[in-house]
Amino acid sequence: MNRQPGPAPHTATQARGRRRRATLLAAAVELLTEGGFAAVTHRAVAQRARLPLAATTYYFTSRDQLLAEAFAQLVDTELATTRTWITDHGLTGLPDHLATADRTRQLGLWELYVHAGRDPALQQIARRWTDGCVHLIADALHLGHTDPRARLLYTTVSTLWLEHIVEQRPLDDTRSLLTLAIENTLRPP
């Protein structure tokens, strides 16, 4: 009888470890988006992931590491989602995307972005978010990634986004202002 050997025991253990770590990280992202920075503790993450508390400290040496990796995952997810939206609906449709996106998730992203002002480890992740958004805008408008107009428009989009999320300003105002900003960005000198 020809039997194929199964996976080596250490390979199965490594796969299980990767799954557990990913589960913990997903739980941290959920908590972050639901309750902000303060909601992410080792205990809360373990409970959300339905794993023992010791698992969080095994896979993440500190709360800071857990927060940084959760923030990085949130940034990567949001950039991919936003890129898809802009590709499918255009840059002028961005306010509609923001209006339909999970408000608590957006607040979590911005809370961490602000918190990065005090935490150098988070600053690099925040910069990745900013640079990624500038590249999305530059690509949508067929500008170079270093074209200052793309960064200026990103600054406008960020402000409009914050006003919408925090102050809950009317979406029609946001649309009008974004359209005006895009028109001015593309106007020949």
Protein backbone atom coordinates (compact mmCIF):
# COMPACT_ATOMS: atom_id res chain seq x y z
CA MET A 1 0.00 0.00 0.00
CA ASN A 2 1.38 3.36 -1.03
CA ARG A 3 0.61 5.95 1.61
CA GLN A 4 1.36 9.59 1.13
CA PRO A 5 2.92 11.11 4.20
CA GLY A 6 0.84 13.81 5.88
CA PRO A 7 2.16 17.22 6.66
CA ALA A 8 5.06 17.31 9.05
CA PRO A 9 3.92 17.97 12.63
CA HIS A 10 5.80 21.26 12.80
CA THR A 11 4.13 22.46 9.57
CA ALA A 12 0.67 21.82 11.01
CA THR A 13 1.65 23.60 14.22
CA GLN A 14 2.96 26.58 12.26
CA ALA A 15 -0.27 26.78 10.24
CA ARG A 16 -2.31 26.66 13.45
CA GLY A 17 -0.14 29.43 14.91
CA ARG A 18 -0.65 31.62 11.85
CA ARG A 19 -4.43 31.10 12.07
CA ARG A 20 -4.50 31.95 15.78
CA ARG A 21 -2.41 35.07 15.25
CA ALA A 22 -4.64 36.18 12.36
CA THR A 23 -7.74 35.56 14.50
CA LEU A 24 -6.29 37.68 17.31
CA LEU A 25 -5.37 40.44 14.90
CA ALA A 26 -8.84 40.43 13.33
CA ALA A 27 -10.36 40.67 16.81
CA ALA A 28 -8.10 43.64 17.59
CA VAL A 29 -9.20 45.42 14.39
CA GLU A 30 -12.86 44.81 15.25
CA LEU A 31 -12.40 46.18 18.76
CA LEU A 32 -10.45 49.14 17.44
CA THR A 33 -13.18 50.07 15.01
CA GLU A 34 -15.96 49.53 17.53
CA GLY A 35 -14.51 51.22 20.59
CA GLY A 36 -11.36 53.01 19.58
CA PHE A 37 -7.88 52.87 21.02
CA ALA A 38 -8.97 52.20 24.62
CA ALA A 39 -11.02 49.14 23.63
CA VAL A 40 -7.96 47.16 22.51
CA THR A 41 -6.56 45.27 25.48
CA HIS A 42 -5.02 41.82 25.58
CA ARG A 43 -7.97 40.54 27.60
CA ALA A 44 -10.62 42.02 25.27
CA VAL A 45 -8.84 40.71 22.18
CA ALA A 46 -8.55 37.21 23.64
CA GLN A 47 -12.24 37.21 24.57
CA ARG A 48 -13.29 38.44 21.13
CA ALA A 49 -11.09 35.84 19.44
CA ARG A 50 -12.30 33.13 21.83
CA LEU A 51 -8.71 32.22 22.62
CA PRO A 52 -6.86 32.05 25.93
CA LEU A 53 -5.43 35.29 27.27
CA ALA A 54 -1.93 33.83 27.10
CA ALA A 55 -2.26 33.60 23.30
CA THR A 56 -2.27 37.39 22.95
CA THR A 57 1.00 37.80 24.82
CA TYR A 58 2.51 34.82 22.99
CA TYR A 59 1.85 36.31 19.54
CA PHE A 60 2.10 40.01 20.45
CA THR A 61 4.80 41.02 22.91
CA SER A 62 3.00 44.21 23.89
CA ARG A 63 -0.24 46.10 23.50
CA ASP A 64 1.67 48.62 21.39
CA GLN A 65 2.66 45.88 18.93
CA LEU A 66 -0.92 44.64 18.81
CA LEU A 67 -2.26 48.15 18.17
CA ALA A 68 0.36 48.89 15.51
CA GLU A 69 -0.39 45.69 13.62
CA ALA A 70 -4.14 46.24 13.92
CA PHE A 71 -3.72 49.80 12.63
CA ALA A 72 -1.57 48.55 9.73
CA GLN A 73 -4.18 45.95 8.81
CA LEU A 74 -6.94 48.55 9.01
CA VAL A 75 -4.95 50.91 6.77
CA ASP A 76 -4.28 48.19 4.19
CA THR A 77 -7.93 47.14 4.14
CA GLU A 78 -9.23 50.70 3.85
CA LEU A 79 -6.77 51.58 1.07
CA ALA A 80 -7.80 48.50 -0.94
CA THR A 81 -11.50 49.21 -0.39
CA THR A 82 -11.10 52.86 -1.35
CA ARG A 83 -9.06 52.00 -4.44
CA THR A 84 -11.79 49.62 -5.61
CA TRP A 85 -14.47 52.22 -4.96
CA ILE A 86 -12.64 54.95 -6.87
CA THR A 87 -11.95 52.56 -9.76
CA ASP A 88 -15.62 51.58 -9.94
CA HIS A 89 -17.27 54.94 -9.21
CA GLY A 90 -14.71 57.68 -9.79
CA LEU A 91 -13.20 60.16 -7.39
CA THR A 92 -16.31 62.35 -7.32
CA GLY A 93 -18.25 59.38 -5.95
CA LEU A 94 -16.00 59.20 -2.88
CA PRO A 95 -18.46 61.03 -0.59
CA ASP A 96 -21.03 58.33 -1.32
CA HIS A 97 -18.51 55.67 -0.34
CA LEU A 98 -17.76 57.50 2.90
CA ALA A 99 -21.46 57.88 3.62
CA THR A 100 -22.12 54.16 3.26
CA ALA A 101 -18.96 52.97 5.02
CA ASP A 102 -19.08 51.83 8.63
CA ARG A 103 -18.86 55.03 10.70
CA THR A 104 -17.28 53.34 13.72
CA ARG A 105 -14.59 51.83 11.47
CA GLN A 106 -13.82 55.25 10.03
CA LEU A 107 -13.69 56.80 13.49
CA GLY A 108 -11.27 54.06 14.60
CA LEU A 109 -9.02 54.77 11.65
CA TRP A 110 -8.96 58.50 12.36
CA GLU A 111 -8.51 58.00 16.10
CA LEU A 112 -5.41 55.94 15.49
CA TYR A 113 -4.21 58.45 12.92
CA VAL A 114 -4.40 61.20 15.54
CA HIS A 115 -2.85 58.94 18.19
CA ALA A 116 0.11 58.44 15.85
CA GLY A 117 1.09 62.03 16.59
CA ARG A 118 2.33 60.77 19.97
CA ASP A 119 3.62 57.36 18.95
CA PRO A 120 6.54 57.08 16.50
CA ALA A 121 5.70 53.44 15.68
CA LEU A 122 2.24 54.47 14.54
CA GLN A 123 3.57 57.48 12.62
CA GLN A 124 5.03 55.24 9.92
CA ILE A 125 1.69 53.50 9.51
CA ALA A 126 -0.16 56.84 9.41
CA ARG A 127 2.24 58.02 6.72
CA ARG A 128 1.53 54.85 4.75
CA TRP A 129 -2.16 55.76 4.93
CA THR A 130 -1.55 59.34 3.77
CA ASP A 131 0.84 58.36 0.99
CA GLY A 132 -1.51 55.60 -0.14
CA CYS A 133 -4.42 58.04 -0.34
CA VAL A 134 -2.31 60.56 -2.27
CA HIS A 135 -1.39 57.81 -4.74
CA LEU A 136 -5.05 56.82 -5.13
CA ILE A 137 -5.98 60.41 -5.94
CA ALA A 138 -3.01 60.89 -8.26
CA ASP A 139 -3.89 57.71 -10.13
CA ALA A 140 -7.56 58.70 -10.42
CA LEU A 141 -6.62 62.10 -11.87
CA HIS A 142 -3.71 60.78 -13.98
CA LEU A 143 -1.19 62.86 -12.05
CA GLY A 144 2.26 61.84 -10.89
CA HIS A 145 2.46 60.52 -7.33
CA THR A 146 4.68 63.45 -6.37
CA ASP A 147 2.50 66.08 -8.02
CA PRO A 148 1.64 68.55 -5.22
CA ARG A 149 -1.89 68.90 -6.59
CA ALA A 150 -2.63 65.29 -5.58
CA ARG A 151 -1.50 65.95 -2.01
CA LEU A 152 -3.45 69.20 -1.86
CA LEU A 153 -6.59 67.41 -3.04
CA TYR A 154 -5.98 64.63 -0.50
CA THR A 155 -5.85 67.28 2.22
CA THR A 156 -9.21 68.61 1.03
CA VAL A 157 -10.70 65.10 0.91
CA SER A 158 -9.42 64.39 4.44
CA THR A 159 -10.94 67.54 5.84
CA LEU A 160 -14.28 66.89 4.13
CA TRP A 161 -14.18 63.31 5.37
CA LEU A 162 -13.52 64.37 8.95
CA GLU A 163 -16.27 66.99 8.80
CA HIS A 164 -18.69 64.37 7.54
CA ILE A 165 -17.76 61.72 10.12
CA VAL A 166 -17.26 63.92 13.18
CA GLU A 167 -19.65 66.81 12.55
CA GLN A 168 -22.03 64.86 10.32
CA ARG A 169 -22.22 67.66 7.78
CA PRO A 170 -24.63 67.24 4.86
CA LEU A 171 -23.41 64.89 2.17
CA ASP A 172 -24.53 67.25 -0.61
CA ASP A 173 -22.15 69.91 0.72
CA THR A 174 -19.33 67.39 0.75
CA ARG A 175 -20.07 66.36 -2.85
CA SER A 176 -20.19 69.97 -4.05
CA LEU A 177 -16.95 70.92 -2.36
CA LEU A 178 -15.13 67.82 -3.62
CA THR A 179 -16.31 68.45 -7.18
CA LEU A 180 -15.13 72.06 -6.96
CA ALA A 181 -11.75 70.96 -5.55
CA ILE A 182 -11.26 68.42 -8.35
CA GLU A 183 -12.19 70.98 -11.01
CA ASN A 184 -9.71 73.48 -9.54
CA THR A 185 -7.02 70.84 -9.31
CA LEU A 186 -7.38 69.95 -12.98
CA ARG A 187 -7.75 73.53 -14.23
CA PRO A 188 -4.85 74.54 -16.48
CA PRO A 189 -2.55 77.15 -14.94
